[in-house]
Amino acid sequence: MPIGRLHHLIIDSPDPPTEARFWSAVLGDPITYADEDFVVVSANTATSGLAFQSATELTPPTWPEPTVPQQMHLDVMVDDQVTAGEKVLALGARRLPGDHVYADPAGHPFCLIRRPAWAPPVN
């Protein structure tokens, strides 16, 4: 029996609204809550999602160098890694060393992974 259930993955950001708009566009989920220091992206107001909290002194990870560790990263399943890569770059991501590895606007690494066979198509 579980002790609890995931509410949100909370991610520090120097600019929560920018991060939320980026991840909203990447994942196709709306921004469901926002104030000046905290923004949530989720399928709806009753679903767990990603939340971005203000951290003005955030030091971005230095992937792949371990000087500043990743802190966290997301794997985003996609139907086509190349097309998805072009789209996230257009949204403000930047490419990092590695196979389909990118950084979001605050510098958090994330990977675009090929959709596993068990998962329904993304689009």
PDB file of N, CA and C in Angstrom:
ATOM      1  N   MET A   1       0.850  -1.186   0.000  1.00  0.00           N
ATOM      2  CA  MET A   1       0.000   0.000   0.000  1.00  0.00           C
ATOM      3  C   MET A   1       0.892   1.245   0.000  1.00  0.00           C
ATOM      4  N   PRO A   2       0.656   2.178  -0.934  1.00  0.00           N
ATOM      5  CA  PRO A   2       1.496   3.380  -0.987  1.00  0.00           C
ATOM      6  C   PRO A   2       1.263   4.298   0.207  1.00  0.00           C
ATOM      7  N   ILE A   3       2.272   5.062   0.509  1.00  0.00           N
ATOM      8  CA  ILE A   3       2.169   6.069   1.561  1.00  0.00           C
ATOM      9  C   ILE A   3       1.533   7.335   1.025  1.00  0.00           C
ATOM     10  N   GLY A   4       1.768   7.639  -0.206  1.00  0.00           N
ATOM     11  CA  GLY A   4       1.231   8.859  -0.800  1.00  0.00           C
ATOM     12  C   GLY A   4       1.193   8.750  -2.308  1.00  0.00           C
ATOM     13  N   ARG A   5       0.849   9.863  -2.954  1.00  0.00           N
ATOM     14  CA  ARG A   5       0.765   9.928  -4.418  1.00  0.00           C
ATOM     15  C   ARG A   5       1.413  11.236  -4.868  1.00  0.00           C
ATOM     16  N   LEU A   6       2.092  11.197  -5.966  1.00  0.00           N
ATOM     17  CA  LEU A   6       2.757  12.390  -6.472  1.00  0.00           C
ATOM     18  C   LEU A   6       1.747  13.516  -6.698  1.00  0.00           C
ATOM     19  N   HIS A   7       2.057  14.681  -6.186  1.00  0.00           N
ATOM     20  CA  HIS A   7       1.225  15.852  -6.456  1.00  0.00           C
ATOM     21  C   HIS A   7       1.806  16.591  -7.655  1.00  0.00           C
ATOM     22  N   HIS A   8       2.978  17.194  -7.485  1.00  0.00           N
ATOM     23  CA  HIS A   8       3.675  17.865  -8.583  1.00  0.00           C
ATOM     24  C   HIS A   8       5.166  17.619  -8.426  1.00  0.00           C
ATOM     25  N   LEU A   9       5.878  17.644  -9.521  1.00  0.00           N
ATOM     26  CA  LEU A   9       7.330  17.729  -9.480  1.00  0.00           C
ATOM     27  C   LEU A   9       7.636  19.211  -9.453  1.00  0.00           C
ATOM     28  N   ILE A  10       8.278  19.678  -8.380  1.00  0.00           N
ATOM     29  CA  ILE A  10       8.566  21.102  -8.200  1.00  0.00           C
ATOM     30  C   ILE A  10       9.977  21.376  -8.729  1.00  0.00           C
ATOM     31  N   ILE A  11      10.082  22.358  -9.616  1.00  0.00           N
ATOM     32  CA  ILE A  11      11.344  22.675 -10.264  1.00  0.00           C
ATOM     33  C   ILE A  11      11.680  24.135  -9.998  1.00  0.00           C
ATOM     34  N   ASP A  12      12.881  24.366  -9.452  1.00  0.00           N
ATOM     35  CA  ASP A  12      13.341  25.735  -9.222  1.00  0.00           C
ATOM     36  C   ASP A  12      13.593  26.426 -10.550  1.00  0.00           C
ATOM     37  N   SER A  13      13.303  27.717 -10.595  1.00  0.00           N
ATOM     38  CA  SER A  13      13.503  28.480 -11.825  1.00  0.00           C
ATOM     39  C   SER A  13      13.686  29.961 -11.497  1.00  0.00           C
ATOM     40  N   PRO A  14      14.587  30.637 -12.208  1.00  0.00           N
ATOM     41  CA  PRO A  14      14.698  32.080 -12.011  1.00  0.00           C
ATOM     42  C   PRO A  14      13.509  32.828 -12.608  1.00  0.00           C
ATOM     43  N   ASP A  15      12.739  32.177 -13.477  1.00  0.00           N
ATOM     44  CA  ASP A  15      11.605  32.812 -14.148  1.00  0.00           C
ATOM     45  C   ASP A  15      10.480  31.772 -14.336  1.00  0.00           C
ATOM     46  N   PRO A  16       9.693  31.502 -13.282  1.00  0.00           N
ATOM     47  CA  PRO A  16       8.657  30.465 -13.370  1.00  0.00           C
ATOM     48  C   PRO A  16       7.686  30.616 -14.538  1.00  0.00           C
ATOM     49  N   PRO A  17       7.197  31.817 -14.879  1.00  0.00           N
ATOM     50  CA  PRO A  17       6.272  31.902 -16.017  1.00  0.00           C
ATOM     51  C   PRO A  17       6.893  31.451 -17.346  1.00  0.00           C
ATOM     52  N   THR A  18       8.159  31.812 -17.585  1.00  0.00           N
ATOM     53  CA  THR A  18       8.826  31.399 -18.819  1.00  0.00           C
ATOM     54  C   THR A  18       8.990  29.887 -18.865  1.00  0.00           C
ATOM     55  N   GLU A  19       9.426  29.302 -17.760  1.00  0.00           N
ATOM     56  CA  GLU A  19       9.562  27.839 -17.689  1.00  0.00           C
ATOM     57  C   GLU A  19       8.222  27.160 -17.939  1.00  0.00           C
ATOM     58  N   ALA A  20       7.178  27.670 -17.307  1.00  0.00           N
ATOM     59  CA  ALA A  20       5.852  27.059 -17.454  1.00  0.00           C
ATOM     60  C   ALA A  20       5.359  27.152 -18.897  1.00  0.00           C
ATOM     61  N   ARG A  21       5.542  28.288 -19.538  1.00  0.00           N
ATOM     62  CA  ARG A  21       5.122  28.408 -20.943  1.00  0.00           C
ATOM     63  C   ARG A  21       5.889  27.429 -21.825  1.00  0.00           C
ATOM     64  N   PHE A  22       7.184  27.280 -21.580  1.00  0.00           N
ATOM     65  CA  PHE A  22       8.006  26.347 -22.343  1.00  0.00           C
ATOM     66  C   PHE A  22       7.468  24.925 -22.187  1.00  0.00           C
ATOM     67  N   TRP A  23       7.318  24.455 -20.938  1.00  0.00           N
ATOM     68  CA  TRP A  23       6.880  23.076 -20.710  1.00  0.00           C
ATOM     69  C   TRP A  23       5.425  22.872 -21.096  1.00  0.00           C
ATOM     70  N   SER A  24       4.604  23.889 -20.996  1.00  0.00           N
ATOM     71  CA  SER A  24       3.225  23.790 -21.468  1.00  0.00           C
ATOM     72  C   SER A  24       3.209  23.508 -22.965  1.00  0.00           C
ATOM     73  N   ALA A  25       4.049  24.213 -23.716  1.00  0.00           N
ATOM     74  CA  ALA A  25       4.118  24.012 -25.167  1.00  0.00           C
ATOM     75  C   ALA A  25       4.710  22.651 -25.512  1.00  0.00           C
ATOM     76  N   VAL A  26       5.752  22.219 -24.793  1.00  0.00           N
ATOM     77  CA  VAL A  26       6.382  20.928 -25.080  1.00  0.00           C
ATOM     78  C   VAL A  26       5.417  19.772 -24.800  1.00  0.00           C
ATOM     79  N   LEU A  27       4.738  19.814 -23.657  1.00  0.00           N
ATOM     80  CA  LEU A  27       3.900  18.691 -23.229  1.00  0.00           C
ATOM     81  C   LEU A  27       2.454  18.791 -23.687  1.00  0.00           C
ATOM     82  N   GLY A  28       2.038  19.971 -24.132  1.00  0.00           N
ATOM     83  CA  GLY A  28       0.659  20.135 -24.580  1.00  0.00           C
ATOM     84  C   GLY A  28      -0.341  20.223 -23.449  1.00  0.00           C
ATOM     85  N   ASP A  29       0.125  20.502 -22.238  1.00  0.00           N
ATOM     86  CA  ASP A  29      -0.753  20.684 -21.084  1.00  0.00           C
ATOM     87  C   ASP A  29      -0.844  22.171 -20.756  1.00  0.00           C
ATOM     88  N   PRO A  30      -1.991  22.607 -20.258  1.00  0.00           N
ATOM     89  CA  PRO A  30      -2.144  24.031 -19.967  1.00  0.00           C
ATOM     90  C   PRO A  30      -1.495  24.449 -18.648  1.00  0.00           C
ATOM     91  N   ILE A  31      -1.321  25.731 -18.511  1.00  0.00           N
ATOM     92  CA  ILE A  31      -0.960  26.303 -17.212  1.00  0.00           C
ATOM     93  C   ILE A  31      -2.252  26.362 -16.413  1.00  0.00           C
ATOM     94  N   THR A  32      -2.273  25.666 -15.284  1.00  0.00           N
ATOM     95  CA  THR A  32      -3.510  25.556 -14.496  1.00  0.00           C
ATOM     96  C   THR A  32      -3.498  26.392 -13.231  1.00  0.00           C
ATOM     97  N   TYR A  33      -2.353  26.965 -12.886  1.00  0.00           N
ATOM     98  CA  TYR A  33      -2.274  27.856 -11.722  1.00  0.00           C
ATOM     99  C   TYR A  33      -1.064  28.753 -11.928  1.00  0.00           C
ATOM    100  N   ALA A  34      -1.180  29.992 -11.536  1.00  0.00           N
ATOM    101  CA  ALA A  34      -0.033  30.900 -11.613  1.00  0.00           C
ATOM    102  C   ALA A  34      -0.183  32.038 -10.627  1.00  0.00           C
ATOM    103  N   ASP A  35       0.890  32.296  -9.895  1.00  0.00           N
ATOM    104  CA  ASP A  35       1.027  33.562  -9.188  1.00  0.00           C
ATOM    105  C   ASP A  35       2.444  34.038  -9.483  1.00  0.00           C
ATOM    106  N   GLU A  36       2.912  35.079  -8.863  1.00  0.00           N
ATOM    107  CA  GLU A  36       4.203  35.647  -9.266  1.00  0.00           C
ATOM    108  C   GLU A  36       5.397  34.740  -8.970  1.00  0.00           C
ATOM    109  N   ASP A  37       5.253  33.794  -8.027  1.00  0.00           N
ATOM    110  CA  ASP A  37       6.377  32.945  -7.639  1.00  0.00           C
ATOM    111  C   ASP A  37       6.170  31.458  -7.898  1.00  0.00           C
ATOM    112  N   PHE A  38       5.013  31.055  -8.419  1.00  0.00           N
ATOM    113  CA  PHE A  38       4.707  29.628  -8.523  1.00  0.00           C
ATOM    114  C   PHE A  38       3.729  29.407  -9.672  1.00  0.00           C
ATOM    115  N   VAL A  39       4.081  28.518 -10.603  1.00  0.00           N
ATOM    116  CA  VAL A  39       3.249  28.255 -11.780  1.00  0.00           C
ATOM    117  C   VAL A  39       3.161  26.742 -11.987  1.00  0.00           C
ATOM    118  N   VAL A  40       1.951  26.243 -12.277  1.00  0.00           N
ATOM    119  CA  VAL A  40       1.721  24.807 -12.461  1.00  0.00           C
ATOM    120  C   VAL A  40       1.288  24.523 -13.893  1.00  0.00           C
ATOM    121  N   VAL A  41       1.858  23.461 -14.453  1.00  0.00           N
ATOM    122  CA  VAL A  41       1.453  22.922 -15.754  1.00  0.00           C
ATOM    123  C   VAL A  41       0.950  21.505 -15.496  1.00  0.00           C
ATOM    124  N   SER A  42      -0.311  21.256 -15.848  1.00  0.00           N
ATOM    125  CA  SER A  42      -0.887  19.916 -15.677  1.00  0.00           C
ATOM    126  C   SER A  42      -2.074  19.779 -16.618  1.00  0.00           C
ATOM    127  N   ALA A  43      -2.532  18.549 -16.796  1.00  0.00           N
ATOM    128  CA  ALA A  43      -3.641  18.305 -17.724  1.00  0.00           C
ATOM    129  C   ALA A  43      -4.890  19.071 -17.306  1.00  0.00           C
ATOM    130  N   ASN A  44      -5.091  19.214 -16.005  1.00  0.00           N
ATOM    131  CA  ASN A  44      -6.223  19.970 -15.461  1.00  0.00           C
ATOM    132  C   ASN A  44      -5.946  20.269 -14.000  1.00  0.00           C
ATOM    133  N   THR A  45      -6.836  20.946 -13.324  1.00  0.00           N
ATOM    134  CA  THR A  45      -6.592  21.355 -11.940  1.00  0.00           C
ATOM    135  C   THR A  45      -6.677  20.202 -10.946  1.00  0.00           C
ATOM    136  N   ALA A  46      -7.080  19.017 -11.397  1.00  0.00           N
ATOM    137  CA  ALA A  46      -7.170  17.856 -10.515  1.00  0.00           C
ATOM    138  C   ALA A  46      -6.139  16.786 -10.876  1.00  0.00           C
ATOM    139  N   THR A  47      -5.106  17.166 -11.637  1.00  0.00           N
ATOM    140  CA  THR A  47      -4.096  16.214 -12.089  1.00  0.00           C
ATOM    141  C   THR A  47      -2.707  16.689 -11.680  1.00  0.00           C
ATOM    142  N   SER A  48      -1.868  15.738 -11.271  1.00  0.00           N
ATOM    143  CA  SER A  48      -0.481  16.067 -10.947  1.00  0.00           C
ATOM    144  C   SER A  48       0.234  16.567 -12.191  1.00  0.00           C
ATOM    145  N   GLY A  49       1.264  17.361 -11.984  1.00  0.00           N
ATOM    146  CA  GLY A  49       2.006  17.879 -13.122  1.00  0.00           C
ATOM    147  C   GLY A  49       3.349  18.430 -12.698  1.00  0.00           C
ATOM    148  N   LEU A  50       3.798  19.437 -13.412  1.00  0.00           N
ATOM    149  CA  LEU A  50       5.044  20.122 -13.115  1.00  0.00           C
ATOM    150  C   LEU A  50       4.717  21.478 -12.500  1.00  0.00           C
ATOM    151  N   ALA A  51       5.481  21.859 -11.491  1.00  0.00           N
ATOM    152  CA  ALA A  51       5.304  23.173 -10.892  1.00  0.00           C
ATOM    153  C   ALA A  51       6.662  23.861 -10.846  1.00  0.00           C
ATOM    154  N   PHE A  52       6.664  25.141 -11.110  1.00  0.00           N
ATOM    155  CA  PHE A  52       7.889  25.924 -11.165  1.00  0.00           C
ATOM    156  C   PHE A  52       7.835  26.993 -10.089  1.00  0.00           C
ATOM    157  N   GLN A  53       8.840  26.948  -9.181  1.00  0.00           N
ATOM    158  CA  GLN A  53       8.871  27.924  -8.096  1.00  0.00           C
ATOM    159  C   GLN A  53      10.052  28.850  -8.268  1.00  0.00           C
ATOM    160  N   SER A  54       9.886  30.059  -7.814  1.00  0.00           N
ATOM    161  CA  SER A  54      10.905  31.078  -7.972  1.00  0.00           C
ATOM    162  C   SER A  54      12.166  30.727  -7.184  1.00  0.00           C
ATOM    163  N   ALA A  55      13.286  30.772  -7.889  1.00  0.00           N
ATOM    164  CA  ALA A  55      14.599  30.573  -7.280  1.00  0.00           C
ATOM    165  C   ALA A  55      15.556  31.499  -8.035  1.00  0.00           C
ATOM    166  N   THR A  56      15.602  32.747  -7.597  1.00  0.00           N
ATOM    167  CA  THR A  56      16.340  33.767  -8.340  1.00  0.00           C
ATOM    168  C   THR A  56      17.844  33.501  -8.393  1.00  0.00           C
ATOM    169  N   GLU A  57      18.378  32.742  -7.459  1.00  0.00           N
ATOM    170  CA  GLU A  57      19.817  32.462  -7.412  1.00  0.00           C
ATOM    171  C   GLU A  57      20.162  31.087  -7.977  1.00  0.00           C
ATOM    172  N   LEU A  58      19.294  30.509  -8.785  1.00  0.00           N
ATOM    173  CA  LEU A  58      19.533  29.178  -9.343  1.00  0.00           C
ATOM    174  C   LEU A  58      20.815  29.150 -10.166  1.00  0.00           C
ATOM    175  N   THR A  59      21.643  28.160  -9.901  1.00  0.00           N
ATOM    176  CA  THR A  59      22.817  27.908 -10.716  1.00  0.00           C
ATOM    177  C   THR A  59      22.474  26.746 -11.634  1.00  0.00           C
ATOM    178  N   PRO A  60      22.391  26.981 -12.950  1.00  0.00           N
ATOM    179  CA  PRO A  60      22.016  25.900 -13.865  1.00  0.00           C
ATOM    180  C   PRO A  60      23.017  24.747 -13.824  1.00  0.00           C
ATOM    181  N   PRO A  61      22.542  23.528 -14.062  1.00  0.00           N
ATOM    182  CA  PRO A  61      23.444  22.378 -14.141  1.00  0.00           C
ATOM    183  C   PRO A  61      24.468  22.569 -15.259  1.00  0.00           C
ATOM    184  N   THR A  62      25.616  21.916 -15.116  1.00  0.00           N
ATOM    185  CA  THR A  62      26.685  22.036 -16.100  1.00  0.00           C
ATOM    186  C   THR A  62      26.853  20.744 -16.898  1.00  0.00           C
ATOM    187  N   TRP A  63      25.757  20.112 -17.265  1.00  0.00           N
ATOM    188  CA  TRP A  63      25.765  18.853 -18.019  1.00  0.00           C
ATOM    189  C   TRP A  63      26.707  18.935 -19.213  1.00  0.00           C
ATOM    190  N   PRO A  64      27.524  17.968 -19.499  1.00  0.00           N
ATOM    191  CA  PRO A  64      27.663  16.710 -18.770  1.00  0.00           C
ATOM    192  C   PRO A  64      28.713  16.757 -17.674  1.00  0.00           C
ATOM    193  N   GLU A  65      29.339  17.911 -17.487  1.00  0.00           N
ATOM    194  CA  GLU A  65      30.326  18.051 -16.413  1.00  0.00           C
ATOM    195  C   GLU A  65      29.621  18.016 -15.062  1.00  0.00           C
ATOM    196  N   PRO A  66      30.182  17.332 -14.062  1.00  0.00           N
ATOM    197  CA  PRO A  66      29.511  17.187 -12.766  1.00  0.00           C
ATOM    198  C   PRO A  66      29.706  18.358 -11.801  1.00  0.00           C
ATOM    199  N   THR A  67      30.297  19.469 -12.254  1.00  0.00           N
ATOM    200  CA  THR A  67      30.545  20.596 -11.362  1.00  0.00           C
ATOM    201  C   THR A  67      29.259  21.020 -10.652  1.00  0.00           C
ATOM    202  N   VAL A  68      28.205  21.232 -11.408  1.00  0.00           N
ATOM    203  CA  VAL A  68      26.875  21.495 -10.840  1.00  0.00           C
ATOM    204  C   VAL A  68      25.983  20.361 -11.335  1.00  0.00           C
ATOM    205  N   PRO A  69      25.547  19.457 -10.445  1.00  0.00           N
ATOM    206  CA  PRO A  69      24.783  18.291 -10.889  1.00  0.00           C
ATOM    207  C   PRO A  69      23.444  18.654 -11.522  1.00  0.00           C
ATOM    208  N   GLN A  70      22.868  17.653 -12.221  1.00  0.00           N
ATOM    209  CA  GLN A  70      21.594  17.849 -12.905  1.00  0.00           C
ATOM    210  C   GLN A  70      20.485  18.306 -11.975  1.00  0.00           C
ATOM    211  N   GLN A  71      20.439  17.829 -10.773  1.00  0.00           N
ATOM    212  CA  GLN A  71      19.376  18.106  -9.814  1.00  0.00           C
ATOM    213  C   GLN A  71      18.119  17.319 -10.139  1.00  0.00           C
ATOM    214  N   MET A  72      17.765  17.207 -11.370  1.00  0.00           N
ATOM    215  CA  MET A  72      16.644  16.405 -11.858  1.00  0.00           C
ATOM    216  C   MET A  72      16.677  16.492 -13.371  1.00  0.00           C
ATOM    217  N   HIS A  73      16.009  15.554 -14.034  1.00  0.00           N
ATOM    218  CA  HIS A  73      15.774  15.736 -15.462  1.00  0.00           C
ATOM    219  C   HIS A  73      14.529  14.971 -15.850  1.00  0.00           C
ATOM    220  N   LEU A  74      13.927  15.402 -16.923  1.00  0.00           N
ATOM    221  CA  LEU A  74      12.722  14.773 -17.443  1.00  0.00           C
ATOM    222  C   LEU A  74      13.062  13.991 -18.697  1.00  0.00           C
ATOM    223  N   ASP A  75      12.437  12.824 -18.835  1.00  0.00           N
ATOM    224  CA  ASP A  75      12.431  12.115 -20.101  1.00  0.00           C
ATOM    225  C   ASP A  75      11.074  12.378 -20.730  1.00  0.00           C
ATOM    226  N   VAL A  76      11.085  12.934 -21.920  1.00  0.00           N
ATOM    227  CA  VAL A  76       9.847  13.253 -22.629  1.00  0.00           C
ATOM    228  C   VAL A  76       9.741  12.297 -23.805  1.00  0.00           C
ATOM    229  N   MET A  77       8.689  11.434 -23.809  1.00  0.00           N
ATOM    230  CA  MET A  77       8.546  10.500 -24.925  1.00  0.00           C
ATOM    231  C   MET A  77       7.952  11.212 -26.126  1.00  0.00           C
ATOM    232  N   VAL A  78       8.526  10.917 -27.284  1.00  0.00           N
ATOM    233  CA  VAL A  78       8.101  11.557 -28.531  1.00  0.00           C
ATOM    234  C   VAL A  78       8.004  10.504 -29.628  1.00  0.00           C
ATOM    235  N   ASP A  79       7.213  10.790 -30.644  1.00  0.00           N
ATOM    236  CA  ASP A  79       7.099   9.895 -31.792  1.00  0.00           C
ATOM    237  C   ASP A  79       8.308  10.013 -32.718  1.00  0.00           C
ATOM    238  N   ASP A  80       8.864  11.206 -32.849  1.00  0.00           N
ATOM    239  CA  ASP A  80       9.976  11.461 -33.767  1.00  0.00           C
ATOM    240  C   ASP A  80      10.964  12.391 -33.060  1.00  0.00           C
ATOM    241  N   GLN A  81      12.122  11.873 -32.698  1.00  0.00           N
ATOM    242  CA  GLN A  81      13.089  12.652 -31.928  1.00  0.00           C
ATOM    243  C   GLN A  81      13.627  13.859 -32.693  1.00  0.00           C
ATOM    244  N   VAL A  82      13.843  13.730 -33.981  1.00  0.00           N
ATOM    245  CA  VAL A  82      14.400  14.835 -34.763  1.00  0.00           C
ATOM    246  C   VAL A  82      13.388  15.982 -34.847  1.00  0.00           C
ATOM    247  N   THR A  83      12.159  15.663 -35.213  1.00  0.00           N
ATOM    248  CA  THR A  83      11.121  16.696 -35.316  1.00  0.00           C
ATOM    249  C   THR A  83      10.877  17.346 -33.963  1.00  0.00           C
ATOM    250  N   ALA A  84      10.794  16.526 -32.911  1.00  0.00           N
ATOM    251  CA  ALA A  84      10.581  17.067 -31.565  1.00  0.00           C
ATOM    252  C   ALA A  84      11.748  17.958 -31.151  1.00  0.00           C
ATOM    253  N   GLY A  85      12.970  17.564 -31.525  1.00  0.00           N
ATOM    254  CA  GLY A  85      14.137  18.380 -31.209  1.00  0.00           C
ATOM    255  C   GLY A  85      14.075  19.749 -31.857  1.00  0.00           C
ATOM    256  N   GLU A  86      13.666  19.789 -33.112  1.00  0.00           N
ATOM    257  CA  GLU A  86      13.519  21.073 -33.802  1.00  0.00           C
ATOM    258  C   GLU A  86      12.479  21.943 -33.106  1.00  0.00           C
ATOM    259  N   LYS A  87      11.405  21.327 -32.659  1.00  0.00           N
ATOM    260  CA  LYS A  87      10.324  22.089 -32.012  1.00  0.00           C
ATOM    261  C   LYS A  87      10.756  22.644 -30.662  1.00  0.00           C
ATOM    262  N   VAL A  88      11.471  21.844 -29.854  1.00  0.00           N
ATOM    263  CA  VAL A  88      11.883  22.372 -28.545  1.00  0.00           C
ATOM    264  C   VAL A  88      12.936  23.458 -28.706  1.00  0.00           C
ATOM    265  N   LEU A  89      13.800  23.336 -29.717  1.00  0.00           N
ATOM    266  CA  LEU A  89      14.768  24.405 -29.969  1.00  0.00           C
ATOM    267  C   LEU A  89      14.052  25.700 -30.334  1.00  0.00           C
ATOM    268  N   ALA A  90      12.992  25.596 -31.128  1.00  0.00           N
ATOM    269  CA  ALA A  90      12.224  26.782 -31.522  1.00  0.00           C
ATOM    270  C   ALA A  90      11.521  27.414 -30.321  1.00  0.00           C
ATOM    271  N   LEU A  91      11.237  26.603 -29.295  1.00  0.00           N
ATOM    272  CA  LEU A  91      10.584  27.116 -28.089  1.00  0.00           C
ATOM    273  C   LEU A  91      11.560  27.745 -27.100  1.00  0.00           C
ATOM    274  N   GLY A  92      12.862  27.594 -27.344  1.00  0.00           N
ATOM    275  CA  GLY A  92      13.846  28.202 -26.450  1.00  0.00           C
ATOM    276  C   GLY A  92      14.780  27.226 -25.767  1.00  0.00           C
ATOM    277  N   ALA A  93      14.680  25.930 -26.083  1.00  0.00           N
ATOM    278  CA  ALA A  93      15.632  24.964 -25.529  1.00  0.00           C
ATOM    279  C   ALA A  93      16.982  25.153 -26.202  1.00  0.00           C
ATOM    280  N   ARG A  94      17.996  24.553 -25.610  1.00  0.00           N
ATOM    281  CA  ARG A  94      19.290  24.509 -26.276  1.00  0.00           C
ATOM    282  C   ARG A  94      19.809  23.082 -26.210  1.00  0.00           C
ATOM    283  N   ARG A  95      20.537  22.713 -27.231  1.00  0.00           N
ATOM    284  CA  ARG A  95      21.080  21.354 -27.339  1.00  0.00           C
ATOM    285  C   ARG A  95      22.228  21.188 -26.342  1.00  0.00           C
ATOM    286  N   LEU A  96      22.300  20.007 -25.725  1.00  0.00           N
ATOM    287  CA  LEU A  96      23.400  19.644 -24.838  1.00  0.00           C
ATOM    288  C   LEU A  96      24.110  18.414 -25.416  1.00  0.00           C
ATOM    289  N   PRO A  97      25.331  18.139 -24.967  1.00  0.00           N
ATOM    290  CA  PRO A  97      25.999  16.925 -25.426  1.00  0.00           C
ATOM    291  C   PRO A  97      25.179  15.688 -25.054  1.00  0.00           C
ATOM    292  N   GLY A  98      25.154  14.736 -25.941  1.00  0.00           N
ATOM    293  CA  GLY A  98      24.422  13.498 -25.683  1.00  0.00           C
ATOM    294  C   GLY A  98      23.368  13.260 -26.745  1.00  0.00           C
ATOM    295  N   ASP A  99      22.747  12.108 -26.679  1.00  0.00           N
ATOM    296  CA  ASP A  99      21.766  11.681 -27.662  1.00  0.00           C
ATOM    297  C   ASP A  99      20.397  12.271 -27.343  1.00  0.00           C
ATOM    298  N   HIS A 100      20.004  13.300 -28.080  1.00  0.00           N
ATOM    299  CA  HIS A 100      18.709  13.962 -27.914  1.00  0.00           C
ATOM    300  C   HIS A 100      18.549  14.560 -26.507  1.00  0.00           C
ATOM    301  N   VAL A 101      19.612  15.212 -26.035  1.00  0.00           N
ATOM    302  CA  VAL A 101      19.616  15.864 -24.725  1.00  0.00           C
ATOM    303  C   VAL A 101      19.567  17.372 -24.953  1.00  0.00           C
ATOM    304  N   TYR A 102      18.705  18.037 -24.189  1.00  0.00           N
ATOM    305  CA  TYR A 102      18.485  19.478 -24.324  1.00  0.00           C
ATOM    306  C   TYR A 102      18.428  20.104 -22.942  1.00  0.00           C
ATOM    307  N   ALA A 103      18.452  21.431 -22.900  1.00  0.00           N
ATOM    308  CA  ALA A 103      18.232  22.174 -21.662  1.00  0.00           C
ATOM    309  C   ALA A 103      17.040  23.079 -21.875  1.00  0.00           C
ATOM    310  N   ASP A 104      16.193  23.177 -20.863  1.00  0.00           N
ATOM    311  CA  ASP A 104      15.059  24.093 -20.938  1.00  0.00           C
ATOM    312  C   ASP A 104      15.565  25.521 -20.709  1.00  0.00           C
ATOM    313  N   PRO A 105      14.695  26.536 -20.757  1.00  0.00           N
ATOM    314  CA  PRO A 105      15.173  27.921 -20.628  1.00  0.00           C
ATOM    315  C   PRO A 105      15.958  28.220 -19.351  1.00  0.00           C
ATOM    316  N   ALA A 106      15.712  27.480 -18.257  1.00  0.00           N
ATOM    317  CA  ALA A 106      16.450  27.714 -17.012  1.00  0.00           C
ATOM    318  C   ALA A 106      17.723  26.878 -16.939  1.00  0.00           C
ATOM    319  N   GLY A 107      17.960  26.025 -17.935  1.00  0.00           N
ATOM    320  CA  GLY A 107      19.166  25.208 -17.955  1.00  0.00           C
ATOM    321  C   GLY A 107      18.987  23.784 -17.470  1.00  0.00           C
ATOM    322  N   HIS A 108      17.756  23.381 -17.103  1.00  0.00           N
ATOM    323  CA  HIS A 108      17.511  22.013 -16.653  1.00  0.00           C
ATOM    324  C   HIS A 108      17.602  21.049 -17.831  1.00  0.00           C
ATOM    325  N   PRO A 109      18.438  19.996 -17.730  1.00  0.00           N
ATOM    326  CA  PRO A 109      18.523  19.023 -18.809  1.00  0.00           C
ATOM    327  C   PRO A 109      17.236  18.201 -18.936  1.00  0.00           C
ATOM    328  N   PHE A 110      16.922  17.825 -20.170  1.00  0.00           N
ATOM    329  CA  PHE A 110      15.843  16.866 -20.414  1.00  0.00           C
ATOM    330  C   PHE A 110      16.186  16.091 -21.672  1.00  0.00           C
ATOM    331  N   CYS A 111      15.624  14.895 -21.769  1.00  0.00           N
ATOM    332  CA  CYS A 111      15.888  14.018 -22.905  1.00  0.00           C
ATOM    333  C   CYS A 111      14.604  13.786 -23.686  1.00  0.00           C
ATOM    334  N   LEU A 112      14.730  13.762 -24.994  1.00  0.00           N
ATOM    335  CA  LEU A 112      13.620  13.364 -25.852  1.00  0.00           C
ATOM    336  C   LEU A 112      13.844  11.893 -26.182  1.00  0.00           C
ATOM    337  N   ILE A 113      12.997  11.034 -25.632  1.00  0.00           N
ATOM    338  CA  ILE A 113      13.164   9.602 -25.840  1.00  0.00           C
ATOM    339  C   ILE A 113      12.152   9.097 -26.854  1.00  0.00           C
ATOM    340  N   ARG A 114      12.565   8.106 -27.636  1.00  0.00           N
ATOM    341  CA  ARG A 114      11.659   7.480 -28.594  1.00  0.00           C
ATOM    342  C   ARG A 114      10.540   6.794 -27.823  1.00  0.00           C
ATOM    343  N   ARG A 115       9.315   7.015 -28.252  1.00  0.00           N
ATOM    344  CA  ARG A 115       8.155   6.433 -27.582  1.00  0.00           C
ATOM    345  C   ARG A 115       8.305   4.921 -27.496  1.00  0.00           C
ATOM    346  N   PRO A 116       8.192   4.355 -26.273  1.00  0.00           N
ATOM    347  CA  PRO A 116       8.249   2.905 -26.142  1.00  0.00           C
ATOM    348  C   PRO A 116       7.066   2.239 -26.855  1.00  0.00           C
ATOM    349  N   ALA A 117       7.245   0.996 -27.281  1.00  0.00           N
ATOM    350  CA  ALA A 117       6.211   0.274 -28.012  1.00  0.00           C
ATOM    351  C   ALA A 117       4.925   0.129 -27.211  1.00  0.00           C
ATOM    352  N   TRP A 118       5.026   0.098 -25.879  1.00  0.00           N
ATOM    353  CA  TRP A 118       3.838  -0.096 -25.046  1.00  0.00           C
ATOM    354  C   TRP A 118       2.991   1.165 -24.935  1.00  0.00           C
ATOM    355  N   ALA A 119       3.545   2.308 -25.262  1.00  0.00           N
ATOM    356  CA  ALA A 119       2.821   3.578 -25.102  1.00  0.00           C
ATOM    357  C   ALA A 119       2.056   3.923 -26.373  1.00  0.00           C
ATOM    358  N   PRO A 120       0.859   4.489 -26.222  1.00  0.00           N
ATOM    359  CA  PRO A 120       0.143   4.941 -27.425  1.00  0.00           C
ATOM    360  C   PRO A 120       0.874   6.111 -28.077  1.00  0.00           C
ATOM    361  N   PRO A 121       0.642   6.348 -29.371  1.00  0.00           N
ATOM    362  CA  PRO A 121       1.289   7.470 -30.042  1.00  0.00           C
ATOM    363  C   PRO A 121       1.062   8.788 -29.305  1.00  0.00           C
ATOM    364  N   VAL A 122       2.071   9.649 -29.355  1.00  0.00           N
ATOM    365  CA  VAL A 122       1.973  10.948 -28.703  1.00  0.00           C
ATOM    366  C   VAL A 122       1.042  11.852 -29.499  1.00  0.00           C
ATOM    367  N   ASN A 123       1.184  11.837 -30.819  1.00  0.00           N
ATOM    368  CA  ASN A 123       0.351  12.674 -31.678  1.00  0.00           C
ATOM    369  C   ASN A 123      -0.503  11.822 -32.590  1.00  0.00           C
TER     370      ASN A 123
END
